[in-house]
Amino acid sequence: IHNGSIAVPSAPGLGVRLDRSALEHYTL
């Protein structure tokens, strides 16, 4: 967050990558 705003990812789709190791760590 810079100056009260969040930049919107510009890559195709959602534009972000899932952290699979973190998801595995917090799996329910």
PDB file of all heavy atoms in Angstrom:
ATOM      1  N   ILE A   1       0.864  -1.180   0.000  1.00  0.00           N
ATOM      2  CA  ILE A   1       0.000   0.000   0.000  1.00  0.00           C
ATOM      3  C   ILE A   1       0.900   1.230   0.000  1.00  0.00           C
ATOM      4  O   ILE A   1       1.723   1.403   0.902  1.00  0.00           O
ATOM      5  CB  ILE A   1      -0.936   0.011   1.221  1.00  0.00           C
ATOM      6  CG1 ILE A   1      -1.802  -1.251   1.229  1.00  0.00           C
ATOM      7  CG2 ILE A   1      -1.805   1.265   1.231  1.00  0.00           C
ATOM      8  CD1 ILE A   1      -2.618  -1.422   2.498  1.00  0.00           C
ATOM      9  N   HIS A   2       0.766   2.073  -1.018  1.00  0.00           N
ATOM     10  CA  HIS A   2       1.556   3.294  -1.128  1.00  0.00           C
ATOM     11  C   HIS A   2       0.615   4.492  -1.119  1.00  0.00           C
ATOM     12  O   HIS A   2      -0.275   4.594  -1.959  1.00  0.00           O
ATOM     13  CB  HIS A   2       2.387   3.303  -2.412  1.00  0.00           C
ATOM     14  CG  HIS A   2       3.490   2.291  -2.426  1.00  0.00           C
ATOM     15  ND1 HIS A   2       4.503   2.268  -1.499  1.00  0.00           N
ATOM     16  CD2 HIS A   2       3.737   1.250  -3.270  1.00  0.00           C
ATOM     17  CE1 HIS A   2       5.338   1.276  -1.762  1.00  0.00           C
ATOM     18  NE2 HIS A   2       4.885   0.626  -2.820  1.00  0.00           N
ATOM     19  N   ASN A   3       0.828   5.384  -0.154  1.00  0.00           N
ATOM     20  CA  ASN A   3       0.018   6.606  -0.062  1.00  0.00           C
ATOM     21  C   ASN A   3      -1.472   6.302  -0.099  1.00  0.00           C
ATOM     22  O   ASN A   3      -2.252   6.980  -0.768  1.00  0.00           O
ATOM     23  CB  ASN A   3       0.387   7.571  -1.181  1.00  0.00           C
ATOM     24  CG  ASN A   3       1.820   8.061  -1.061  1.00  0.00           C
ATOM     25  OD1 ASN A   3       2.295   8.335   0.043  1.00  0.00           O
ATOM     26  ND2 ASN A   3       2.509   8.174  -2.186  1.00  0.00           N
ATOM     27  N   GLY A   4      -1.856   5.247   0.613  1.00  0.00           N
ATOM     28  CA  GLY A   4      -3.267   4.934   0.739  1.00  0.00           C
ATOM     29  C   GLY A   4      -3.888   4.258  -0.457  1.00  0.00           C
ATOM     30  O   GLY A   4      -5.118   4.189  -0.541  1.00  0.00           O
ATOM     31  N   SER A   5      -3.082   3.725  -1.387  1.00  0.00           N
ATOM     32  CA  SER A   5      -3.608   3.040  -2.561  1.00  0.00           C
ATOM     33  C   SER A   5      -2.871   1.723  -2.793  1.00  0.00           C
ATOM     34  O   SER A   5      -1.703   1.583  -2.422  1.00  0.00           O
ATOM     35  CB  SER A   5      -3.476   3.908  -3.824  1.00  0.00           C
ATOM     36  OG  SER A   5      -4.297   5.052  -3.741  1.00  0.00           O
ATOM     37  N   ILE A   6      -3.561   0.764  -3.411  1.00  0.00           N
ATOM     38  CA  ILE A   6      -2.969  -0.519  -3.779  1.00  0.00           C
ATOM     39  C   ILE A   6      -2.936  -0.603  -5.298  1.00  0.00           C
ATOM     40  O   ILE A   6      -3.961  -0.397  -5.969  1.00  0.00           O
ATOM     41  CB  ILE A   6      -3.768  -1.711  -3.225  1.00  0.00           C
ATOM     42  CG1 ILE A   6      -3.935  -1.594  -1.703  1.00  0.00           C
ATOM     43  CG2 ILE A   6      -3.083  -3.034  -3.576  1.00  0.00           C
ATOM     44  CD1 ILE A   6      -4.768  -2.710  -1.096  1.00  0.00           C
ATOM     45  N   ALA A   7      -1.761  -0.918  -5.859  1.00  0.00           N
ATOM     46  CA  ALA A   7      -1.634  -1.086  -7.306  1.00  0.00           C
ATOM     47  C   ALA A   7      -2.332  -2.377  -7.731  1.00  0.00           C
ATOM     48  O   ALA A   7      -2.238  -3.401  -7.049  1.00  0.00           O
ATOM     49  CB  ALA A   7      -0.168  -1.122  -7.702  1.00  0.00           C
ATOM     50  N   VAL A   8      -3.035  -2.315  -8.852  1.00  0.00           N
ATOM     51  CA  VAL A   8      -3.728  -3.487  -9.384  1.00  0.00           C
ATOM     52  C   VAL A   8      -2.742  -4.278 -10.245  1.00  0.00           C
ATOM     53  O   VAL A   8      -2.130  -3.712 -11.153  1.00  0.00           O
ATOM     54  CB  VAL A   8      -4.946  -3.067 -10.229  1.00  0.00           C
ATOM     55  CG1 VAL A   8      -5.701  -4.298 -10.728  1.00  0.00           C
ATOM     56  CG2 VAL A   8      -5.864  -2.161  -9.421  1.00  0.00           C
ATOM     57  N   PRO A   9      -2.561  -5.576  -9.993  1.00  0.00           N
ATOM     58  CA  PRO A   9      -1.632  -6.364 -10.825  1.00  0.00           C
ATOM     59  C   PRO A   9      -1.984  -6.253 -12.305  1.00  0.00           C
ATOM     60  O   PRO A   9      -3.156  -6.295 -12.684  1.00  0.00           O
ATOM     61  CB  PRO A   9      -1.826  -7.789 -10.310  1.00  0.00           C
ATOM     62  CG  PRO A   9      -2.258  -7.614  -8.886  1.00  0.00           C
ATOM     63  CD  PRO A   9      -3.122  -6.380  -8.902  1.00  0.00           C
ATOM     64  N   SER A  10      -0.950  -6.112 -13.130  1.00  0.00           N
ATOM     65  CA  SER A  10      -1.169  -5.878 -14.563  1.00  0.00           C
ATOM     66  C   SER A  10      -0.927  -7.105 -15.429  1.00  0.00           C
ATOM     67  O   SER A  10      -1.172  -7.067 -16.634  1.00  0.00           O
ATOM     68  CB  SER A  10      -0.260  -4.742 -15.051  1.00  0.00           C
ATOM     69  OG  SER A  10       1.106  -5.055 -14.804  1.00  0.00           O
ATOM     70  N   ALA A  11      -0.444  -8.220 -14.831  1.00  0.00           N
ATOM     71  CA  ALA A  11      -0.232  -9.446 -15.601  1.00  0.00           C
ATOM     72  C   ALA A  11      -1.583 -10.070 -15.951  1.00  0.00           C
ATOM     73  O   ALA A  11      -2.601  -9.796 -15.290  1.00  0.00           O
ATOM     74  CB  ALA A  11       0.625 -10.424 -14.812  1.00  0.00           C
ATOM     75  N   PRO A  12      -1.639 -10.921 -16.980  1.00  0.00           N
ATOM     76  CA  PRO A  12      -2.927 -11.524 -17.372  1.00  0.00           C
ATOM     77  C   PRO A  12      -3.598 -12.295 -16.242  1.00  0.00           C
ATOM     78  O   PRO A  12      -2.946 -12.845 -15.359  1.00  0.00           O
ATOM     79  CB  PRO A  12      -2.519 -12.463 -18.517  1.00  0.00           C
ATOM     80  CG  PRO A  12      -1.294 -11.846 -19.090  1.00  0.00           C
ATOM     81  CD  PRO A  12      -0.554 -11.280 -17.905  1.00  0.00           C
ATOM     82  N   GLY A  13      -4.923 -12.348 -16.296  1.00  0.00           N
ATOM     83  CA  GLY A  13      -5.699 -13.008 -15.252  1.00  0.00           C
ATOM     84  C   GLY A  13      -5.691 -12.192 -13.978  1.00  0.00           C
ATOM     85  O   GLY A  13      -5.766 -10.957 -14.012  1.00  0.00           O
ATOM     86  N   LEU A  14      -5.605 -12.854 -12.842  1.00  0.00           N
ATOM     87  CA  LEU A  14      -5.492 -12.137 -11.569  1.00  0.00           C
ATOM     88  C   LEU A  14      -4.147 -11.452 -11.445  1.00  0.00           C
ATOM     89  O   LEU A  14      -4.008 -10.447 -10.744  1.00  0.00           O
ATOM     90  CB  LEU A  14      -5.690 -13.106 -10.398  1.00  0.00           C
ATOM     91  CG  LEU A  14      -7.111 -13.643 -10.184  1.00  0.00           C
ATOM     92  CD1 LEU A  14      -7.113 -14.681  -9.066  1.00  0.00           C
ATOM     93  CD2 LEU A  14      -8.107 -12.532  -9.872  1.00  0.00           C
ATOM     94  N   GLY A  15      -3.128 -12.021 -12.073  1.00  0.00           N
ATOM     95  CA  GLY A  15      -1.819 -11.379 -12.092  1.00  0.00           C
ATOM     96  C   GLY A  15      -0.971 -11.629 -10.870  1.00  0.00           C
ATOM     97  O   GLY A  15       0.015 -10.913 -10.640  1.00  0.00           O
ATOM     98  N   VAL A  16      -1.312 -12.639 -10.070  1.00  0.00           N
ATOM     99  CA  VAL A  16      -0.526 -12.988  -8.891  1.00  0.00           C
ATOM    100  C   VAL A  16      -0.271 -14.490  -8.871  1.00  0.00           C
ATOM    101  O   VAL A  16      -0.950 -15.262  -9.547  1.00  0.00           O
ATOM    102  CB  VAL A  16      -1.227 -12.562  -7.587  1.00  0.00           C
ATOM    103  CG1 VAL A  16      -1.290 -11.053  -7.466  1.00  0.00           C
ATOM    104  CG2 VAL A  16      -2.625 -13.169  -7.489  1.00  0.00           C
ATOM    105  N   ARG A  17       0.708 -14.887  -8.054  1.00  0.00           N
ATOM    106  CA  ARG A  17       1.080 -16.294  -7.950  1.00  0.00           C
ATOM    107  C   ARG A  17       0.750 -16.828  -6.561  1.00  0.00           C
ATOM    108  O   ARG A  17       1.039 -16.177  -5.555  1.00  0.00           O
ATOM    109  CB  ARG A  17       2.568 -16.469  -8.234  1.00  0.00           C
ATOM    110  CG  ARG A  17       2.987 -16.131  -9.665  1.00  0.00           C
ATOM    111  CD  ARG A  17       4.496 -16.068  -9.791  1.00  0.00           C
ATOM    112  NE  ARG A  17       5.029 -14.931  -9.036  1.00  0.00           N
ATOM    113  CZ  ARG A  17       6.318 -14.764  -8.763  1.00  0.00           C
ATOM    114  NH1 ARG A  17       7.200 -15.671  -9.155  1.00  0.00           N
ATOM    115  NH2 ARG A  17       6.722 -13.695  -8.095  1.00  0.00           N
ATOM    116  N   LEU A  18       0.158 -18.009  -6.531  1.00  0.00           N
ATOM    117  CA  LEU A  18      -0.179 -18.665  -5.273  1.00  0.00           C
ATOM    118  C   LEU A  18       1.081 -19.217  -4.613  1.00  0.00           C
ATOM    119  O   LEU A  18       1.901 -19.857  -5.263  1.00  0.00           O
ATOM    120  CB  LEU A  18      -1.169 -19.800  -5.536  1.00  0.00           C
ATOM    121  CG  LEU A  18      -1.560 -20.671  -4.340  1.00  0.00           C
ATOM    122  CD1 LEU A  18      -2.386 -19.874  -3.339  1.00  0.00           C
ATOM    123  CD2 LEU A  18      -2.349 -21.897  -4.824  1.00  0.00           C
ATOM    124  N   ASP A  19       1.209 -18.986  -3.319  1.00  0.00           N
ATOM    125  CA  ASP A  19       2.308 -19.560  -2.538  1.00  0.00           C
ATOM    126  C   ASP A  19       1.861 -20.932  -2.048  1.00  0.00           C
ATOM    127  O   ASP A  19       1.198 -21.055  -1.013  1.00  0.00           O
ATOM    128  CB  ASP A  19       2.656 -18.642  -1.363  1.00  0.00           C
ATOM    129  CG  ASP A  19       3.901 -19.076  -0.610  1.00  0.00           C
ATOM    130  OD1 ASP A  19       4.248 -20.274  -0.680  1.00  0.00           O
ATOM    131  OD2 ASP A  19       4.511 -18.242   0.072  1.00  0.00           O
ATOM    132  N   ARG A  20       2.217 -21.959  -2.780  1.00  0.00           N
ATOM    133  CA  ARG A  20       1.739 -23.307  -2.465  1.00  0.00           C
ATOM    134  C   ARG A  20       2.281 -23.826  -1.138  1.00  0.00           C
ATOM    135  O   ARG A  20       1.590 -24.543  -0.414  1.00  0.00           O
ATOM    136  CB  ARG A  20       2.096 -24.269  -3.590  1.00  0.00           C
ATOM    137  CG  ARG A  20       1.288 -24.028  -4.862  1.00  0.00           C
ATOM    138  CD  ARG A  20       1.472 -25.145  -5.866  1.00  0.00           C
ATOM    139  NE  ARG A  20       0.584 -24.977  -7.000  1.00  0.00           N
ATOM    140  CZ  ARG A  20      -0.681 -25.353  -7.015  1.00  0.00           C
ATOM    141  NH1 ARG A  20      -1.221 -25.918  -5.938  1.00  0.00           N
ATOM    142  NH2 ARG A  20      -1.426 -25.168  -8.087  1.00  0.00           N
ATOM    143  N   SER A  21       3.504 -23.467  -0.808  1.00  0.00           N
ATOM    144  CA  SER A  21       4.060 -23.940   0.463  1.00  0.00           C
ATOM    145  C   SER A  21       3.322 -23.320   1.644  1.00  0.00           C
ATOM    146  O   SER A  21       3.063 -23.985   2.655  1.00  0.00           O
ATOM    147  CB  SER A  21       5.555 -23.614   0.539  1.00  0.00           C
ATOM    148  OG  SER A  21       5.781 -22.215   0.479  1.00  0.00           O
ATOM    149  N   ALA A  22       2.946 -22.052   1.512  1.00  0.00           N
ATOM    150  CA  ALA A  22       2.170 -21.406   2.577  1.00  0.00           C
ATOM    151  C   ALA A  22       0.785 -22.027   2.686  1.00  0.00           C
ATOM    152  O   ALA A  22       0.291 -22.279   3.793  1.00  0.00           O
ATOM    153  CB  ALA A  22       2.063 -19.908   2.313  1.00  0.00           C
ATOM    154  N   LEU A  23       0.160 -22.295   1.535  1.00  0.00           N
ATOM    155  CA  LEU A  23      -1.161 -22.922   1.557  1.00  0.00           C
ATOM    156  C   LEU A  23      -1.085 -24.298   2.221  1.00  0.00           C
ATOM    157  O   LEU A  23      -1.951 -24.655   3.019  1.00  0.00           O
ATOM    158  CB  LEU A  23      -1.711 -23.048   0.139  1.00  0.00           C
ATOM    159  CG  LEU A  23      -3.080 -23.728  -0.010  1.00  0.00           C
ATOM    160  CD1 LEU A  23      -4.151 -23.012   0.801  1.00  0.00           C
ATOM    161  CD2 LEU A  23      -3.474 -23.814  -1.485  1.00  0.00           C
ATOM    162  N   GLU A  24      -0.038 -25.052   1.900  1.00  0.00           N
ATOM    163  CA  GLU A  24       0.116 -26.364   2.517  1.00  0.00           C
ATOM    164  C   GLU A  24       0.307 -26.239   4.027  1.00  0.00           C
ATOM    165  O   GLU A  24      -0.244 -27.028   4.799  1.00  0.00           O
ATOM    166  CB  GLU A  24       1.313 -27.075   1.892  1.00  0.00           C
ATOM    167  CG  GLU A  24       1.517 -28.505   2.413  1.00  0.00           C
ATOM    168  CD  GLU A  24       2.622 -29.231   1.676  1.00  0.00           C
ATOM    169  OE1 GLU A  24       3.064 -28.745   0.631  1.00  0.00           O
ATOM    170  OE2 GLU A  24       3.022 -30.311   2.171  1.00  0.00           O
ATOM    171  N   HIS A  25       1.050 -25.216   4.439  1.00  0.00           N
ATOM    172  CA  HIS A  25       1.308 -25.009   5.871  1.00  0.00           C
ATOM    173  C   HIS A  25       0.020 -24.722   6.627  1.00  0.00           C
ATOM    174  O   HIS A  25      -0.155 -25.181   7.765  1.00  0.00           O
ATOM    175  CB  HIS A  25       2.288 -23.850   6.049  1.00  0.00           C
ATOM    176  CG  HIS A  25       2.600 -23.538   7.473  1.00  0.00           C
ATOM    177  ND1 HIS A  25       3.421 -24.321   8.266  1.00  0.00           N
ATOM    178  CD2 HIS A  25       2.185 -22.518   8.279  1.00  0.00           C
ATOM    179  CE1 HIS A  25       3.518 -23.807   9.475  1.00  0.00           C
ATOM    180  NE2 HIS A  25       2.768 -22.717   9.515  1.00  0.00           N
ATOM    181  N   TYR A  26      -0.886 -23.975   6.005  1.00  0.00           N
ATOM    182  CA  TYR A  26      -2.123 -23.562   6.689  1.00  0.00           C
ATOM    183  C   TYR A  26      -3.340 -24.394   6.256  1.00  0.00           C
ATOM    184  O   TYR A  26      -4.476 -23.999   6.515  1.00  0.00           O
ATOM    185  CB  TYR A  26      -2.392 -22.087   6.424  1.00  0.00           C
ATOM    186  CG  TYR A  26      -1.390 -21.178   7.106  1.00  0.00           C
ATOM    187  CD1 TYR A  26      -0.394 -20.532   6.369  1.00  0.00           C
ATOM    188  CD2 TYR A  26      -1.426 -20.971   8.483  1.00  0.00           C
ATOM    189  CE1 TYR A  26       0.530 -19.691   6.991  1.00  0.00           C
ATOM    190  CE2 TYR A  26      -0.507 -20.148   9.110  1.00  0.00           C
ATOM    191  CZ  TYR A  26       0.465 -19.524   8.355  1.00  0.00           C
ATOM    192  OH  TYR A  26       1.375 -18.703   8.977  1.00  0.00           O
ATOM    193  N   THR A  27      -3.086 -25.548   5.624  1.00  0.00           N
ATOM    194  CA  THR A  27      -4.194 -26.377   5.157  1.00  0.00           C
ATOM    195  C   THR A  27      -5.072 -26.840   6.305  1.00  0.00           C
ATOM    196  O   THR A  27      -4.592 -27.279   7.356  1.00  0.00           O
ATOM    197  CB  THR A  27      -3.664 -27.599   4.381  1.00  0.00           C
ATOM    198  OG1 THR A  27      -3.097 -27.147   3.150  1.00  0.00           O
ATOM    199  CG2 THR A  27      -4.781 -28.588   4.081  1.00  0.00           C
ATOM    200  N   LEU A  28      -6.377 -26.742   6.083  1.00  0.00           N
ATOM    201  CA  LEU A  28      -7.390 -27.250   7.009  1.00  0.00           C
ATOM    202  C   LEU A  28      -7.873 -28.594   6.484  1.00  0.00           C
ATOM    203  O   LEU A  28      -8.121 -28.759   5.291  1.00  0.00           O
ATOM    204  CB  LEU A  28      -8.555 -26.258   7.072  1.00  0.00           C
ATOM    205  CG  LEU A  28      -9.706 -26.523   8.043  1.00  0.00           C
ATOM    206  CD1 LEU A  28      -9.219 -26.456   9.477  1.00  0.00           C
ATOM    207  CD2 LEU A  28     -10.814 -25.490   7.824  1.00  0.00           C
TER     208      LEU A  28
END
